[in-house]
Amino acid sequence: MMKKLCNWMPFLLTSILLIVGVVSCSSVPSPTAVVPTSAPLPTATSIPPTQTPQGNAPEIINLEDQSISDGERFAKLDLEEFVTDADHNADEIQWEISGNDELEVVFVSGNVYVTLPQAEWTGSETLRFEACDPEELCDAKEVVFTVRAENDAPVVNIFGQIIMSDETFVEIDLDDVVHDEETGNDELTWNVSGEVDLIVSIDEGVASIELPETEWTGQETIQFEACDPEGACGLSDASFWVMERTEAQVEVTYIGNAGFMITVGDKKILIDALFEGNPIPREVADLLETAQPPFDDVDLILATHIHYDHFHQNTVISHMENNPGAVFVSSPDVVDLVAGYTNLQDRTIPIQIQHRVGEKFQLIVDEIGVETLFLDHGGGTLNLGYIITVGGRRFFHTGDMDPDSVSVSQLERLGLPDKQIDIAFVAHFMLITESQQAHVLEGIQAKYVVPMHFQFTYPVPDYELMESYFPDAIVFHESMESWVLNGTSSP
């Protein structure tokens, strides 16, 4: 039986090997088939992982599109308010802003200002804000900045006038008192309302105000309205006052150089009185700076020009801060020094007057009429002369008028002889220089003359010669001297 089994073994071997491996049929051991163990099995290719920064990326938050109207400004952006990062403080985040073409981006101490280099530009630009932390993990956002083109109403600024009962109002060139960035002045439509007795007419851009009759006195407030073709309108109210001449008491107090305080009733006016240096004593300067009596409750401060012996920035600012009722009037270059560094803009009035012979400008400040004249100083300095009408009285201050540049005939054409000026303040050398005396006697023709500008000009005042030529002149010798004019006064 065993022999037969072995005879069949070759046929069975193949099948059995598939199942159980090798079977030995003799006493001699047969070699065993073994799967090699030293060769590695095939595996997938190993790729080392890419190294990336560790931590959390910053996130830009609450940064939305910005939109303003033309003429406005974009709000300041404090970048620390627009980013959050779990791993870093906001001040560790670095920002980059790109994409601007018409707009300008300025970084200042962690703040961003988006400005318009071309003020008239309107439209939209998309800026890309990118915030990155120290590990260079970043977030980015696009923000649209839009400047809307809108139709702005015309800006109208008409000042009133005070005249005496035998005078006429100055015509108003409407081109000088209106501004509209989008519309030409010839396209504006003007309307007038509020007049009762006064007669207002507009012809070819010029407004005329006439009295109902020669003897009429009183005051009316007239509203001027300018409208553009789209219906946007701007308004301005102006008071027009015909004042009766009076013999109200006037007190003139000499401060120094060309500076005075004029008091009529309850009205106080300082002109060229807030300046720097001699001959103001220190105690007087302190009273002026702190607005203490007699310089309390001053209504109007006038400066003729920018020179230090007529105007001092800090003194004016100090007085106005201590005297909240005062209004400051001067040329734009002087007003900028007062309004530009303080919160006094609403109490300053720049007189927009050019270096043109014969040019005038009129306004009313707290029931005080002020007429400004261009009176050449020489050397390119803009000097304003002031005609002041208050309480039925009238005064004239030349500032630093150069008699060699301003002729007698020019003063006459400005209408000074017809103003019936009560008191004129003129440089002292005009009284002692024979060639300049005609300016006082013919060009101004005031009832009383007060010489000024002592100790800052040469020659030194010759009081005897001055009084010999003008024996009725009101001559001051020291700061804080006063002189009173009333109906029975004589010089």
Protein backbone atom coordinates (compact mmCIF):
# COMPACT_ATOMS: atom_id res chain seq x y z
CA MET A 1 0.00 0.00 0.00
CA MET A 2 2.82 2.32 0.82
CA LYS A 3 4.52 1.48 -2.51
CA LYS A 4 1.44 2.46 -4.49
CA LEU A 5 1.15 5.72 -2.64
CA CYS A 6 4.71 6.59 -3.49
CA ASN A 7 4.11 5.76 -7.17
CA TRP A 8 1.33 8.38 -7.22
CA MET A 9 3.31 10.96 -5.39
CA PRO A 10 4.79 12.76 -8.46
CA PHE A 11 1.28 13.45 -9.61
CA LEU A 12 0.06 14.66 -6.30
CA LEU A 13 3.11 16.64 -5.35
CA THR A 14 2.28 19.65 -7.37
CA SER A 15 -1.18 19.94 -5.92
CA ILE A 16 -0.09 19.34 -2.37
CA LEU A 17 2.75 21.80 -2.57
CA LEU A 18 0.21 24.43 -3.36
CA ILE A 19 -1.47 23.66 -0.07
CA VAL A 20 0.96 22.46 2.51
CA GLY A 21 4.41 22.90 1.10
CA VAL A 22 6.82 19.88 0.72
CA VAL A 23 6.09 16.30 1.96
CA SER A 24 8.98 13.85 2.35
CA CYS A 25 8.34 10.33 1.12
CA SER A 26 11.69 8.74 2.08
CA SER A 27 13.94 8.57 4.97
CA VAL A 28 16.26 10.98 3.22
CA PRO A 29 15.16 14.47 3.97
CA SER A 30 14.20 16.60 0.95
CA PRO A 31 15.30 20.24 0.72
CA THR A 32 12.66 22.64 2.08
CA ALA A 33 11.54 25.72 -0.05
CA VAL A 34 11.93 28.84 2.04
CA VAL A 35 10.80 32.40 1.16
CA PRO A 36 13.84 34.70 1.57
CA THR A 37 13.56 37.07 4.53
CA SER A 38 16.51 39.38 3.82
CA ALA A 39 14.98 41.34 0.81
CA PRO A 40 12.72 44.33 1.72
CA LEU A 41 9.10 44.34 0.75
CA PRO A 42 8.01 47.05 -1.74
CA THR A 43 6.62 50.23 -0.03
CA ALA A 44 5.17 53.74 -1.12
CA THR A 45 7.69 56.54 -1.77
CA SER A 46 8.26 58.67 1.41
CA ILE A 47 8.02 62.57 0.93
CA PRO A 48 9.04 64.70 3.90
CA PRO A 49 6.33 67.25 4.92
CA THR A 50 6.74 70.96 3.90
CA GLN A 51 7.66 73.14 6.85
CA THR A 52 5.08 75.99 7.44
CA PRO A 53 5.10 78.80 10.03
CA GLN A 54 3.56 77.83 13.29
CA GLY A 55 0.71 79.75 14.99
CA ASN A 56 -2.33 81.77 13.97
CA ALA A 57 -2.48 84.33 11.18
CA PRO A 58 -3.71 87.86 11.96
CA GLU A 59 -7.25 88.74 10.93
CA ILE A 60 -8.35 92.10 9.55
CA ILE A 61 -11.64 93.12 11.19
CA ASN A 62 -14.15 95.95 10.93
CA LEU A 63 -12.35 97.63 8.04
CA GLU A 64 -15.17 98.68 5.73
CA ASP A 65 -15.50 100.73 2.56
CA GLN A 66 -15.19 104.48 3.06
CA SER A 67 -17.33 107.14 1.34
CA ILE A 68 -17.35 110.93 1.62
CA SER A 69 -18.75 113.88 -0.30
CA ASP A 70 -16.43 116.15 -2.26
CA GLY A 71 -14.93 118.77 0.00
CA GLU A 72 -14.84 116.40 2.98
CA ARG A 73 -11.97 114.33 4.39
CA PHE A 74 -11.64 110.60 5.05
CA ALA A 75 -11.52 109.73 8.72
CA LYS A 76 -8.19 108.80 10.27
CA LEU A 77 -7.64 105.03 10.51
CA ASP A 78 -6.02 103.69 13.69
CA LEU A 79 -4.73 100.37 12.30
CA GLU A 80 -4.51 98.69 15.71
CA GLU A 81 -8.30 98.84 15.86
CA PHE A 82 -8.67 96.84 12.64
CA VAL A 83 -6.62 93.70 13.36
CA THR A 84 -6.70 90.80 15.81
CA ASP A 85 -4.08 88.06 16.31
CA ALA A 86 -4.16 85.29 18.92
CA ASP A 87 -0.35 85.18 19.06
CA HIS A 88 0.70 88.83 18.83
CA ASN A 89 -0.21 92.28 19.98
CA ALA A 90 -1.69 94.67 17.44
CA ASP A 91 1.39 96.89 17.55
CA GLU A 92 3.53 93.94 16.29
CA ILE A 93 1.58 93.71 13.04
CA GLN A 94 3.15 95.16 9.91
CA TRP A 95 0.86 96.78 7.36
CA GLU A 96 1.22 97.40 3.66
CA ILE A 97 -1.29 99.39 1.62
CA SER A 98 -1.23 99.40 -2.16
CA GLY A 99 -3.41 100.11 -5.14
CA ASN A 100 -3.68 103.89 -4.76
CA ASP A 101 -3.25 106.12 -7.79
CA GLU A 102 -5.31 109.28 -7.25
CA LEU A 103 -5.35 108.95 -3.48
CA GLU A 104 -2.37 109.42 -1.17
CA VAL A 105 -1.67 107.16 1.80
CA VAL A 106 0.30 108.58 4.73
CA PHE A 107 1.42 106.64 7.84
CA VAL A 108 1.80 108.71 11.02
CA SER A 109 2.44 107.01 14.40
CA GLY A 110 0.37 103.94 13.67
CA ASN A 111 -2.39 105.91 11.98
CA VAL A 112 -3.22 106.01 8.29
CA TYR A 113 -4.50 109.12 6.53
CA VAL A 114 -6.01 108.71 3.08
CA THR A 115 -5.96 112.12 1.42
CA LEU A 116 -6.72 113.74 -1.92
CA PRO A 117 -3.68 115.41 -3.54
CA GLN A 118 -6.12 116.88 -6.08
CA ALA A 119 -8.85 118.52 -4.00
CA GLU A 120 -11.34 118.53 -6.88
CA TRP A 121 -11.00 114.78 -7.61
CA THR A 122 -14.08 112.56 -7.34
CA GLY A 123 -14.45 108.83 -7.95
CA SER A 124 -13.44 105.54 -6.32
CA GLU A 125 -10.20 103.67 -5.72
CA THR A 126 -9.70 100.21 -4.24
CA LEU A 127 -6.84 99.94 -1.77
CA ARG A 128 -5.40 96.61 -0.65
CA PHE A 129 -4.66 96.41 3.07
CA GLU A 130 -2.29 93.58 4.10
CA ALA A 131 -1.47 92.78 7.73
CA CYS A 132 1.43 90.40 8.53
CA ASP A 133 2.71 89.10 11.88
CA PRO A 134 6.41 88.47 12.71
CA GLU A 135 6.09 84.85 11.44
CA GLU A 136 4.97 86.22 8.06
CA LEU A 137 1.46 84.94 8.42
CA CYS A 138 -0.78 87.49 6.69
CA ASP A 139 -4.33 88.55 6.01
CA ALA A 140 -5.46 90.97 3.31
CA LYS A 141 -8.58 92.91 2.46
CA GLU A 142 -9.61 95.28 -0.31
CA VAL A 143 -11.32 98.49 0.75
CA VAL A 144 -13.03 100.92 -1.61
CA PHE A 145 -12.55 104.64 -0.97
CA THR A 146 -15.14 106.82 -2.70
CA VAL A 147 -15.41 110.59 -3.09
CA ARG A 148 -18.93 111.44 -4.20
CA ALA A 149 -19.47 114.33 -6.58
CA GLU A 150 -22.35 116.32 -5.11
CA ASN A 151 -23.87 119.63 -6.05
CA ASP A 152 -22.84 122.10 -3.37
CA ALA A 153 -24.87 125.22 -2.73
CA PRO A 154 -23.22 128.57 -3.47
CA VAL A 155 -21.51 130.18 -0.50
CA VAL A 156 -22.66 133.78 -0.04
CA ASN A 157 -20.94 136.18 2.35
CA ILE A 158 -22.23 139.76 2.32
CA PHE A 159 -21.32 142.15 5.11
CA GLY A 160 -23.57 145.06 6.03
CA GLN A 161 -22.81 148.76 5.94
CA ILE A 162 -23.25 151.74 8.25
CA ILE A 163 -23.48 155.18 6.71
CA MET A 164 -24.41 158.63 7.97
CA SER A 165 -27.72 160.23 7.00
CA ASP A 166 -26.20 162.38 4.25
CA GLU A 167 -24.36 159.47 2.55
CA THR A 168 -25.19 156.59 0.20
CA PHE A 169 -24.49 152.88 0.45
CA VAL A 170 -21.61 151.44 -1.56
CA GLU A 171 -22.64 149.20 -4.44
CA ILE A 172 -21.94 145.47 -3.97
CA ASP A 173 -20.20 143.53 -6.74
CA LEU A 174 -21.88 140.14 -6.29
CA ASP A 175 -18.98 138.31 -7.94
CA ASP A 176 -16.90 139.34 -4.93
CA VAL A 177 -19.28 137.90 -2.34
CA VAL A 178 -20.23 134.48 -3.76
CA HIS A 179 -18.30 131.27 -4.39
CA ASP A 180 -19.47 128.12 -6.17
CA GLU A 181 -16.95 125.48 -7.22
CA GLU A 182 -19.27 123.85 -9.76
CA THR A 183 -21.12 126.80 -11.24
CA GLY A 184 -19.95 130.00 -12.87
CA ASN A 185 -21.15 133.21 -11.26
CA ASP A 186 -22.94 134.20 -14.47
CA GLU A 187 -25.15 131.07 -14.11
CA LEU A 188 -26.38 131.97 -10.62
CA THR A 189 -29.81 133.46 -9.96
CA TRP A 190 -30.11 136.11 -7.23
CA ASN A 191 -33.12 136.80 -5.02
CA VAL A 192 -33.52 139.52 -2.38
CA SER A 193 -35.96 139.66 0.53
CA GLY A 194 -36.50 141.44 3.82
CA GLU A 195 -36.38 145.02 2.62
CA VAL A 196 -39.20 147.26 3.83
CA ASP A 197 -38.14 150.86 3.25
CA LEU A 198 -34.83 150.38 1.51
CA ILE A 199 -34.87 149.73 -2.22
CA VAL A 200 -32.60 146.94 -3.51
CA SER A 201 -31.91 146.34 -7.19
CA ILE A 202 -29.54 144.00 -9.01
CA ASP A 203 -28.23 144.87 -12.45
CA GLU A 204 -25.46 143.01 -14.26
CA GLY A 205 -24.15 141.42 -11.10
CA VAL A 206 -24.12 144.59 -9.02
CA ALA A 207 -26.49 145.18 -6.08
CA SER A 208 -27.52 148.74 -5.23
CA ILE A 209 -29.26 149.80 -2.00
CA GLU A 210 -31.10 153.10 -2.12
CA LEU A 211 -32.89 155.15 0.52
CA PRO A 212 -36.63 155.77 0.23
CA GLU A 213 -35.96 159.47 0.89
CA THR A 214 -32.95 161.62 1.72
CA GLU A 215 -33.85 162.14 5.38
CA TRP A 216 -34.50 158.46 6.12
CA THR A 217 -32.62 156.90 9.04
CA GLY A 218 -32.89 153.41 10.46
CA GLN A 219 -31.70 149.87 10.01
CA GLU A 220 -32.91 146.97 7.88
CA THR A 221 -31.63 143.42 7.49
CA ILE A 222 -31.74 142.19 3.91
CA GLN A 223 -31.38 138.55 2.84
CA PHE A 224 -29.45 137.79 -0.35
CA GLU A 225 -29.96 134.37 -1.94
CA ALA A 226 -27.89 132.87 -4.78
CA CYS A 227 -29.18 129.70 -6.50
CA ASP A 228 -27.44 127.47 -9.04
CA PRO A 229 -29.24 125.84 -12.02
CA GLU A 230 -29.84 122.63 -10.00
CA GLY A 231 -31.75 124.55 -7.34
CA ALA A 232 -29.11 124.56 -4.58
CA CYS A 233 -29.14 127.95 -2.84
CA GLY A 234 -26.93 129.85 -0.42
CA LEU A 235 -28.10 132.68 1.85
CA SER A 236 -26.52 135.66 3.56
CA ASP A 237 -28.13 138.25 5.81
CA ALA A 238 -26.67 141.75 5.83
CA SER A 239 -27.63 144.76 7.93
CA PHE A 240 -27.82 148.20 6.30
CA TRP A 241 -27.90 151.07 8.72
CA VAL A 242 -28.37 154.78 8.14
CA MET A 243 -27.05 156.41 11.33
CA GLU A 244 -27.75 159.95 12.44
CA ARG A 245 -24.71 162.07 13.25
CA THR A 246 -24.39 162.83 16.95
CA GLU A 247 -22.15 164.59 19.43
CA ALA A 248 -21.78 161.48 21.56
CA GLN A 249 -18.89 161.57 24.01
CA VAL A 250 -15.67 159.99 22.75
CA GLU A 251 -12.70 158.99 24.89
CA VAL A 252 -9.37 158.33 23.19
CA THR A 253 -6.71 156.51 25.21
CA TYR A 254 -3.14 156.37 23.90
CA ILE A 255 -1.49 152.95 24.25
CA GLY A 256 1.78 153.52 22.39
CA ASN A 257 3.24 153.86 18.90
CA ALA A 258 0.14 153.78 16.65
CA GLY A 259 -2.09 152.06 19.20
CA PHE A 260 -5.25 153.52 20.72
CA MET A 261 -8.46 152.57 22.48
CA ILE A 262 -11.56 154.44 21.30
CA THR A 263 -14.60 154.41 23.57
CA VAL A 264 -18.03 155.64 22.43
CA GLY A 265 -20.89 154.86 24.79
CA ASP A 266 -20.57 151.18 25.69
CA LYS A 267 -18.45 150.35 22.64
CA LYS A 268 -14.70 149.85 22.94
CA ILE A 269 -12.34 149.55 19.97
CA LEU A 270 -8.63 148.71 20.05
CA ILE A 271 -6.66 149.64 16.94
CA ASP A 272 -2.97 148.72 16.51
CA ALA A 273 -2.88 148.55 20.32
CA LEU A 274 -1.84 144.89 20.79
CA PHE A 275 1.76 145.06 19.65
CA GLU A 276 5.21 144.22 20.98
CA GLY A 277 7.86 146.33 22.69
CA ASN A 278 8.27 149.92 23.78
CA PRO A 279 6.75 152.32 24.54
CA ILE A 280 4.13 150.19 26.31
CA PRO A 281 5.00 149.90 30.02
CA ARG A 282 4.96 146.33 31.32
CA GLU A 283 2.01 146.98 33.60
CA VAL A 284 -0.05 148.29 30.66
CA ALA A 285 0.92 145.30 28.52
CA ASP A 286 -0.25 142.97 31.30
CA LEU A 287 -3.65 144.68 31.42
CA LEU A 288 -4.00 144.34 27.65
CA GLU A 289 -3.01 140.67 27.61
CA THR A 290 -5.38 139.73 30.44
CA ALA A 291 -8.23 142.02 29.29
CA GLN A 292 -8.38 143.79 32.63
CA PRO A 293 -9.91 147.29 33.09
CA PRO A 294 -9.88 149.57 31.26
CA PHE A 295 -9.37 146.97 28.49
CA ASP A 296 -12.20 144.67 29.56
CA ASP A 297 -15.25 144.18 27.34
CA VAL A 298 -13.50 145.35 24.17
CA ASP A 299 -15.85 144.78 21.23
CA LEU A 300 -13.54 145.13 18.23
CA ILE A 301 -9.80 144.71 17.67
CA LEU A 302 -8.29 146.12 14.46
CA ALA A 303 -4.75 145.70 13.13
CA THR A 304 -3.65 147.70 10.11
CA HIS A 305 -0.83 145.36 9.06
CA ILE A 306 1.50 142.57 10.15
CA HIS A 307 4.50 144.52 11.47
CA TYR A 308 5.43 143.85 15.10
CA ASP A 309 4.97 147.47 16.20
CA HIS A 310 1.29 147.28 15.15
CA PHE A 311 0.44 143.62 15.78
CA HIS A 312 1.72 140.86 18.06
CA GLN A 313 0.22 137.40 17.65
CA ASN A 314 0.51 136.17 21.23
CA THR A 315 -0.81 139.42 22.71
CA VAL A 316 -3.89 139.34 20.49
CA ILE A 317 -4.56 135.67 21.26
CA SER A 318 -4.13 136.22 25.00
CA HIS A 319 -6.50 139.19 25.02
CA MET A 320 -9.16 137.33 23.02
CA GLU A 321 -8.94 134.26 25.24
CA ASN A 322 -9.55 136.51 28.26
CA ASN A 323 -12.21 138.56 26.49
CA PRO A 324 -14.73 136.22 24.82
CA GLY A 325 -16.73 139.11 23.33
CA ALA A 326 -13.94 140.54 21.15
CA VAL A 327 -13.85 140.19 17.35
CA PHE A 328 -10.55 140.54 15.47
CA VAL A 329 -10.40 142.12 12.00
CA SER A 330 -7.35 142.50 9.76
CA SER A 331 -5.81 141.40 6.47
CA PRO A 332 -5.75 137.63 5.75
CA ASP A 333 -2.03 137.23 6.51
CA VAL A 334 -2.56 138.73 9.97
CA VAL A 335 -5.80 136.88 10.72
CA ASP A 336 -4.17 133.54 9.85
CA LEU A 337 -1.68 134.03 12.68
CA VAL A 338 -4.55 134.40 15.16
CA ALA A 339 -7.08 131.89 13.84
CA GLY A 340 -4.63 129.25 12.61
CA TYR A 341 -3.25 128.22 16.00
CA THR A 342 -6.27 128.71 18.27
CA ASN A 343 -10.00 128.09 18.50
CA LEU A 344 -10.80 131.69 17.59
CA GLN A 345 -11.80 131.18 13.95
CA ASP A 346 -15.41 132.17 14.55
CA ARG A 347 -14.28 135.48 16.05
CA THR A 348 -11.87 136.56 13.33
CA ILE A 349 -12.70 138.29 10.05
CA PRO A 350 -10.11 138.45 7.25
CA ILE A 351 -10.56 141.42 4.93
CA GLN A 352 -10.12 140.15 1.37
CA ILE A 353 -8.62 143.25 -0.17
CA GLN A 354 -5.86 143.40 -2.75
CA HIS A 355 -3.10 145.90 -3.48
CA ARG A 356 -5.36 148.02 -5.66
CA VAL A 357 -5.65 151.77 -5.36
CA GLY A 358 -9.20 152.83 -4.57
CA GLU A 359 -10.38 149.43 -3.32
CA LYS A 360 -12.75 149.46 -0.32
CA PHE A 361 -14.53 146.93 1.82
CA GLN A 362 -17.34 147.53 4.34
CA LEU A 363 -18.73 145.47 7.20
CA ILE A 364 -20.59 145.80 10.51
CA VAL A 365 -19.26 144.25 13.71
CA ASP A 366 -21.47 144.55 16.79
CA GLU A 367 -23.11 147.81 15.64
CA ILE A 368 -19.73 149.25 14.62
CA GLY A 369 -19.32 150.18 10.98
CA VAL A 370 -15.88 149.45 9.51
CA GLU A 371 -14.75 150.57 6.07
CA THR A 372 -11.33 149.33 5.02
CA LEU A 373 -9.15 151.01 2.41
CA PHE A 374 -5.96 149.92 0.71
CA LEU A 375 -3.35 152.53 1.66
CA ASP A 376 0.07 151.64 0.29
CA HIS A 377 2.70 150.95 2.91
CA GLY A 378 5.54 150.48 0.47
CA GLY A 379 7.83 147.46 0.37
CA GLY A 380 5.04 145.04 -0.53
CA THR A 381 3.32 145.08 2.88
CA LEU A 382 -0.48 145.13 2.75
CA ASN A 383 -1.61 148.07 4.91
CA LEU A 384 -5.27 148.75 5.69
CA GLY A 385 -6.68 152.12 6.57
CA TYR A 386 -9.85 152.05 8.69
CA ILE A 387 -12.86 154.36 8.74
CA ILE A 388 -14.86 153.56 11.88
CA THR A 389 -18.46 154.69 12.38
CA VAL A 390 -20.04 154.13 15.79
CA GLY A 391 -22.61 155.97 17.92
CA GLY A 392 -22.96 158.73 15.32
CA ARG A 393 -19.21 159.49 15.42
CA ARG A 394 -16.52 158.75 12.80
CA PHE A 395 -12.78 158.05 13.02
CA PHE A 396 -9.98 157.37 10.54
CA HIS A 397 -6.68 155.52 11.13
CA THR A 398 -4.05 155.48 8.37
CA GLY A 399 -1.91 152.64 9.65
CA ASP A 400 1.51 152.95 8.03
CA MET A 401 0.33 154.80 4.94
CA ASP A 402 3.27 156.02 2.86
CA PRO A 403 2.54 159.63 1.82
CA ASP A 404 4.98 159.27 -1.07
CA SER A 405 2.94 156.34 -2.46
CA VAL A 406 -0.57 157.59 -1.63
CA SER A 407 -1.30 160.99 -3.14
CA VAL A 408 -3.68 163.67 -1.92
CA SER A 409 -5.85 163.09 -4.99
CA GLN A 410 -6.11 159.39 -4.16
CA LEU A 411 -7.38 160.20 -0.67
CA GLU A 412 -9.93 162.54 -2.23
CA ARG A 413 -11.09 159.84 -4.67
CA LEU A 414 -11.55 157.50 -1.71
CA GLY A 415 -14.07 160.05 -0.44
CA LEU A 416 -12.32 160.92 2.82
CA PRO A 417 -13.08 164.68 2.75
CA ASP A 418 -16.79 163.84 2.41
CA LYS A 419 -16.79 161.53 5.43
CA GLN A 420 -16.79 164.44 7.91
CA ILE A 421 -14.33 162.58 10.11
CA ASP A 422 -14.32 163.56 13.77
CA ILE A 423 -10.79 162.31 14.61
CA ALA A 424 -7.99 161.21 12.26
CA PHE A 425 -4.95 159.28 13.51
CA VAL A 426 -1.95 160.05 11.28
CA ALA A 427 1.82 159.54 11.46
CA HIS A 428 3.51 162.43 13.31
CA PHE A 429 5.92 163.17 10.46
CA MET A 430 2.97 164.15 8.24
CA LEU A 431 2.50 167.16 10.52
CA ILE A 432 6.12 168.35 10.55
CA THR A 433 6.97 167.64 6.90
CA GLU A 434 5.56 170.49 4.84
CA SER A 435 5.30 168.43 1.67
CA GLN A 436 2.99 165.96 3.44
CA GLN A 437 0.75 168.37 5.29
CA ALA A 438 -1.65 168.55 2.35
CA HIS A 439 -2.54 164.90 2.96
CA VAL A 440 -3.97 165.95 6.33
CA LEU A 441 -5.44 169.32 5.39
CA GLU A 442 -6.87 168.45 1.97
CA GLY A 443 -6.95 164.67 1.59
CA ILE A 444 -8.51 163.85 4.98
CA GLN A 445 -10.00 167.07 6.42
CA ALA A 446 -10.80 165.73 9.89
CA LYS A 447 -12.09 167.94 12.69
CA TYR A 448 -9.31 166.76 15.04
CA VAL A 449 -5.90 165.25 14.28
CA VAL A 450 -4.01 162.88 16.55
CA PRO A 451 -0.32 162.34 15.62
CA MET A 452 1.05 158.84 16.25
CA HIS A 453 3.87 156.39 15.58
CA PHE A 454 6.16 157.82 18.22
CA GLN A 455 9.54 156.22 19.10
CA PHE A 456 9.43 153.72 16.26
CA THR A 457 10.10 156.09 13.38
CA TYR A 458 12.57 158.82 12.66
CA PRO A 459 13.00 161.69 12.93
CA VAL A 460 12.15 161.73 16.64
CA PRO A 461 8.94 163.74 17.13
CA ASP A 462 9.49 167.46 17.30
CA TYR A 463 6.57 168.38 19.53
CA GLU A 464 7.15 172.13 19.26
CA LEU A 465 7.29 172.07 15.46
CA MET A 466 4.28 169.77 15.32
CA GLU A 467 2.19 172.07 17.47
CA SER A 468 3.36 175.13 15.62
CA TYR A 469 2.03 173.74 12.33
CA PHE A 470 -1.06 172.11 13.88
CA PRO A 471 -1.87 173.97 17.12
CA ASP A 472 -5.19 172.10 17.46
CA ALA A 473 -3.61 168.63 17.23
CA ILE A 474 -4.29 166.25 20.11
CA VAL A 475 -0.75 165.29 21.10
CA PHE A 476 -0.05 162.43 23.55
CA HIS A 477 3.24 162.16 25.39
CA GLU A 478 2.85 159.01 27.53
CA SER A 479 1.06 155.68 27.46
CA MET A 480 -2.44 155.68 29.00
CA GLU A 481 -3.02 159.40 28.50
CA SER A 482 -6.65 160.07 27.57
CA TRP A 483 -8.57 162.83 25.83
CA VAL A 484 -12.34 163.29 25.81
CA LEU A 485 -14.36 164.74 22.95
CA ASN A 486 -17.96 165.77 23.48
CA GLY A 487 -20.30 168.39 22.11
CA THR A 488 -18.59 171.23 23.96
CA SER A 489 -14.97 169.99 23.80
CA SER A 490 -12.23 172.16 22.50
CA PRO A 491 -8.73 170.81 21.80
